[in-house]
Amino acid sequence: MNPSFNDLFFLIPGLICYSIFYLFTPGLRKKEIGTVFTISFLISTLEYLLFSSLLNQSSTSDSQRMLRIYFCILFLLPAIIGFVFSLLVKSKSVRDFLSLGHYCASAWDYVFSGYGAWCYVIVTLKEGNEKIYGIFDSKSSASSNVDERDIFLSRTFDSEWNEMKNKYTGVLISSDQIKYIQIIKTKEK
């Protein structure tokens, strides 16, 4: 059985909802394509069940109104639902109420997922216990790939926390070089 265009069109609300949720929830692991389609199918089915009467009524009304209703139900509403669910999953009180675990799959994703905060870091390297002092800010980056936990620090310092003035724009440290990372939180900017 090959899916038709209408079958794939049916999945649009679920795919949009899931994609927006995935986009705004850092640290989620990528799902297999079959799982994504199953989740999208369930979301789409629920949405069509909730709004089927509205969709049936709109087919008898004027075309402009029908297009607006279809646009809202197929595109806008799923995006809003996905965004709201991403906010709810991040809420500690909601996670506690529903007995959910943490939304981030790893401590790495939790610490380096952003949120506008910045922190000082001390990266201890495996070889020779050498330390790199730096700042993790909006110009820095940490890989969210499970297999490669690279980190880029936009600014580096000496051991006295004096900024190193050189021609480089930062330092990239590959995961196989990192022994551990110490994080020194600062006030939010």
Protein backbone atom coordinates (compact mmCIF):
# COMPACT_ATOMS: atom_id res chain seq x y z
CA MET A 1 0.00 0.00 0.00
CA ASN A 2 1.50 3.31 -1.12
CA PRO A 3 0.42 6.48 0.67
CA SER A 4 -1.40 9.02 -1.47
CA PHE A 5 -0.94 12.77 -1.41
CA ASN A 6 -4.10 13.09 0.73
CA ASP A 7 -2.65 10.64 3.27
CA LEU A 8 0.52 12.70 3.55
CA PHE A 9 -1.52 15.91 3.66
CA PHE A 10 -3.34 14.45 6.67
CA LEU A 11 -0.01 14.30 8.57
CA ILE A 12 0.82 18.00 8.12
CA PRO A 13 -0.64 19.27 11.42
CA GLY A 14 1.12 16.53 13.39
CA LEU A 15 4.43 17.06 11.63
CA ILE A 16 4.27 20.82 12.23
CA CYS A 17 3.35 20.36 15.89
CA TYR A 18 6.10 17.79 16.46
CA SER A 19 8.71 19.86 14.56
CA ILE A 20 7.98 23.03 16.54
CA PHE A 21 8.04 21.06 19.81
CA TYR A 22 11.38 19.50 18.81
CA LEU A 23 12.80 22.87 17.77
CA PHE A 24 12.00 24.58 21.09
CA THR A 25 12.93 21.67 23.39
CA PRO A 26 16.71 21.31 23.51
CA GLY A 27 18.30 17.98 24.24
CA LEU A 28 15.65 15.76 22.67
CA ARG A 29 16.99 12.76 20.84
CA LYS A 30 16.07 12.33 17.22
CA LYS A 31 13.40 9.71 16.73
CA GLU A 32 13.22 7.11 14.01
CA ILE A 33 11.14 8.24 11.04
CA GLY A 34 8.46 5.63 11.81
CA THR A 35 8.09 7.00 15.33
CA VAL A 36 7.85 10.57 14.02
CA PHE A 37 5.09 9.55 11.59
CA THR A 38 3.24 7.66 14.33
CA ILE A 39 3.36 10.67 16.66
CA SER A 40 2.34 12.96 13.80
CA PHE A 41 -0.54 10.64 12.89
CA LEU A 42 -1.83 10.65 16.49
CA ILE A 43 -1.60 14.44 16.79
CA SER A 44 -3.27 14.95 13.40
CA THR A 45 -6.04 12.48 14.23
CA LEU A 46 -6.77 14.26 17.50
CA GLU A 47 -6.82 17.64 15.78
CA TYR A 48 -9.12 16.44 12.99
CA LEU A 49 -11.47 14.86 15.54
CA LEU A 50 -11.64 18.13 17.50
CA PHE A 51 -12.17 20.32 14.44
CA SER A 52 -13.98 18.06 11.96
CA SER A 53 -17.31 19.84 12.41
CA LEU A 54 -15.65 23.19 11.74
CA LEU A 55 -13.96 21.78 8.64
CA ASN A 56 -17.27 20.36 7.38
CA GLN A 57 -19.06 23.68 7.95
CA SER A 58 -16.32 25.61 6.20
CA SER A 59 -16.72 23.57 3.02
CA THR A 60 -20.20 25.05 2.57
CA SER A 61 -19.14 28.66 3.20
CA ASP A 62 -17.28 31.09 0.96
CA SER A 63 -13.81 30.15 -0.27
CA GLN A 64 -11.90 32.98 1.48
CA ARG A 65 -13.28 31.98 4.86
CA MET A 66 -12.62 28.33 4.11
CA LEU A 67 -8.96 29.04 3.26
CA ARG A 68 -8.46 30.99 6.50
CA ILE A 69 -10.00 28.19 8.57
CA TYR A 70 -7.92 25.51 6.83
CA PHE A 71 -4.75 27.59 7.25
CA CYS A 72 -5.41 28.06 10.97
CA ILE A 73 -6.25 24.40 11.59
CA LEU A 74 -3.54 22.89 9.39
CA PHE A 75 -0.63 25.25 10.06
CA LEU A 76 -1.09 27.92 12.72
CA LEU A 77 -2.79 25.92 15.47
CA PRO A 78 -0.30 22.99 15.33
CA ALA A 79 2.63 25.43 15.55
CA ILE A 80 1.07 27.12 18.60
CA ILE A 81 0.30 23.76 20.25
CA GLY A 82 3.88 22.53 19.65
CA PHE A 83 5.31 25.71 21.14
CA VAL A 84 3.01 25.61 24.18
CA PHE A 85 3.86 21.93 24.81
CA SER A 86 7.57 22.74 24.64
CA LEU A 87 7.05 25.39 27.33
CA LEU A 88 4.98 23.01 29.47
CA VAL A 89 7.59 20.24 29.30
CA LYS A 90 10.25 22.67 30.53
CA SER A 91 8.09 23.74 33.50
CA LYS A 92 9.27 22.06 36.69
CA SER A 93 5.79 22.15 38.25
CA VAL A 94 4.23 20.41 35.22
CA ARG A 95 7.00 17.78 35.14
CA ASP A 96 6.52 17.17 38.88
CA PHE A 97 2.73 16.96 38.55
CA LEU A 98 2.94 14.46 35.68
CA SER A 99 5.90 12.60 37.23
CA LEU A 100 7.97 13.21 34.12
CA GLY A 101 11.72 13.02 34.06
CA HIS A 102 13.84 15.92 32.94
CA TYR A 103 13.18 17.05 29.38
CA CYS A 104 16.89 17.09 28.52
CA ALA A 105 18.31 13.67 27.83
CA SER A 106 21.77 14.55 29.14
CA ALA A 107 23.46 16.95 31.53
CA TRP A 108 25.51 18.25 28.60
CA ASP A 109 22.36 19.36 26.77
CA TYR A 110 20.90 20.89 29.92
CA VAL A 111 23.98 22.98 30.73
CA PHE A 112 24.78 24.10 27.20
CA SER A 113 21.25 24.53 25.81
CA GLY A 114 21.39 28.29 26.08
CA TYR A 115 18.52 30.28 27.54
CA GLY A 116 20.59 33.46 27.20
CA ALA A 117 22.77 32.63 30.21
CA TRP A 118 26.51 32.59 30.07
CA CYS A 119 29.10 31.06 32.33
CA TYR A 120 32.80 30.69 32.84
CA VAL A 121 34.18 27.22 32.18
CA ILE A 122 37.39 25.41 32.97
CA VAL A 123 37.95 22.55 30.54
CA THR A 124 40.43 19.96 31.77
CA LEU A 125 42.01 18.03 28.95
CA LYS A 126 42.79 14.32 29.11
CA GLU A 127 46.36 14.75 27.99
CA GLY A 128 48.56 16.21 30.72
CA ASN A 129 45.61 17.59 32.74
CA GLU A 130 46.06 20.88 30.88
CA LYS A 131 43.28 23.39 31.59
CA ILE A 132 41.59 25.80 29.24
CA TYR A 133 39.82 28.74 30.88
CA GLY A 134 37.05 30.30 28.85
CA ILE A 135 33.62 31.78 28.66
CA PHE A 136 30.57 30.07 27.23
CA ASP A 137 28.35 32.84 25.88
CA SER A 138 26.10 33.58 22.91
CA LYS A 139 29.11 33.42 20.57
CA SER A 140 30.12 29.99 21.88
CA SER A 141 28.67 26.64 20.86
CA ALA A 142 28.36 23.11 22.20
CA SER A 143 27.45 20.20 19.97
CA SER A 144 24.13 18.49 20.65
CA ASN A 145 25.23 15.40 18.73
CA VAL A 146 25.41 12.46 21.15
CA ASP A 147 28.46 10.98 19.45
CA GLU A 148 30.50 14.20 19.24
CA ARG A 149 30.40 16.54 22.23
CA ASP A 150 32.63 19.28 20.82
CA ILE A 151 32.65 22.70 22.45
CA PHE A 152 33.67 26.07 21.03
CA LEU A 153 34.58 28.83 23.49
CA SER A 154 34.46 32.32 22.03
CA ARG A 155 36.91 33.80 24.54
CA THR A 156 39.76 32.27 26.50
CA PHE A 157 41.61 33.38 29.61
CA ASP A 158 44.80 32.57 31.47
CA SER A 159 44.67 30.88 34.88
CA GLU A 160 44.27 34.29 36.57
CA TRP A 161 41.17 34.98 34.42
CA ASN A 162 42.87 37.69 32.36
CA GLU A 163 41.54 37.60 28.83
CA MET A 164 44.06 36.29 26.34
CA LYS A 165 44.52 38.77 23.54
CA ASN A 166 45.58 36.94 20.42
CA LYS A 167 44.66 36.67 16.78
CA TYR A 168 42.31 33.73 17.37
CA THR A 169 38.56 34.13 17.71
CA GLY A 170 38.14 31.28 20.18
CA VAL A 171 39.03 27.68 20.76
CA LEU A 172 37.39 24.48 19.51
CA ILE A 173 37.86 21.47 21.77
CA SER A 174 36.88 18.04 20.48
CA SER A 175 35.12 15.56 22.74
CA ASP A 176 37.96 13.06 22.69
CA GLN A 177 40.24 15.68 24.31
CA ILE A 178 37.89 16.60 27.20
CA LYS A 179 38.36 14.93 30.58
CA TYR A 180 35.80 17.10 32.40
CA ILE A 181 34.36 20.62 32.43
CA GLN A 182 33.89 22.82 35.47
CA ILE A 183 31.11 25.38 35.15
CA ILE A 184 31.15 28.64 37.05
CA LYS A 185 27.71 30.22 36.83
CA THR A 186 27.42 33.99 36.73
CA LYS A 187 24.54 36.38 36.95
CA GLU A 188 22.29 36.44 33.91
CA LYS A 189 22.88 39.33 31.56
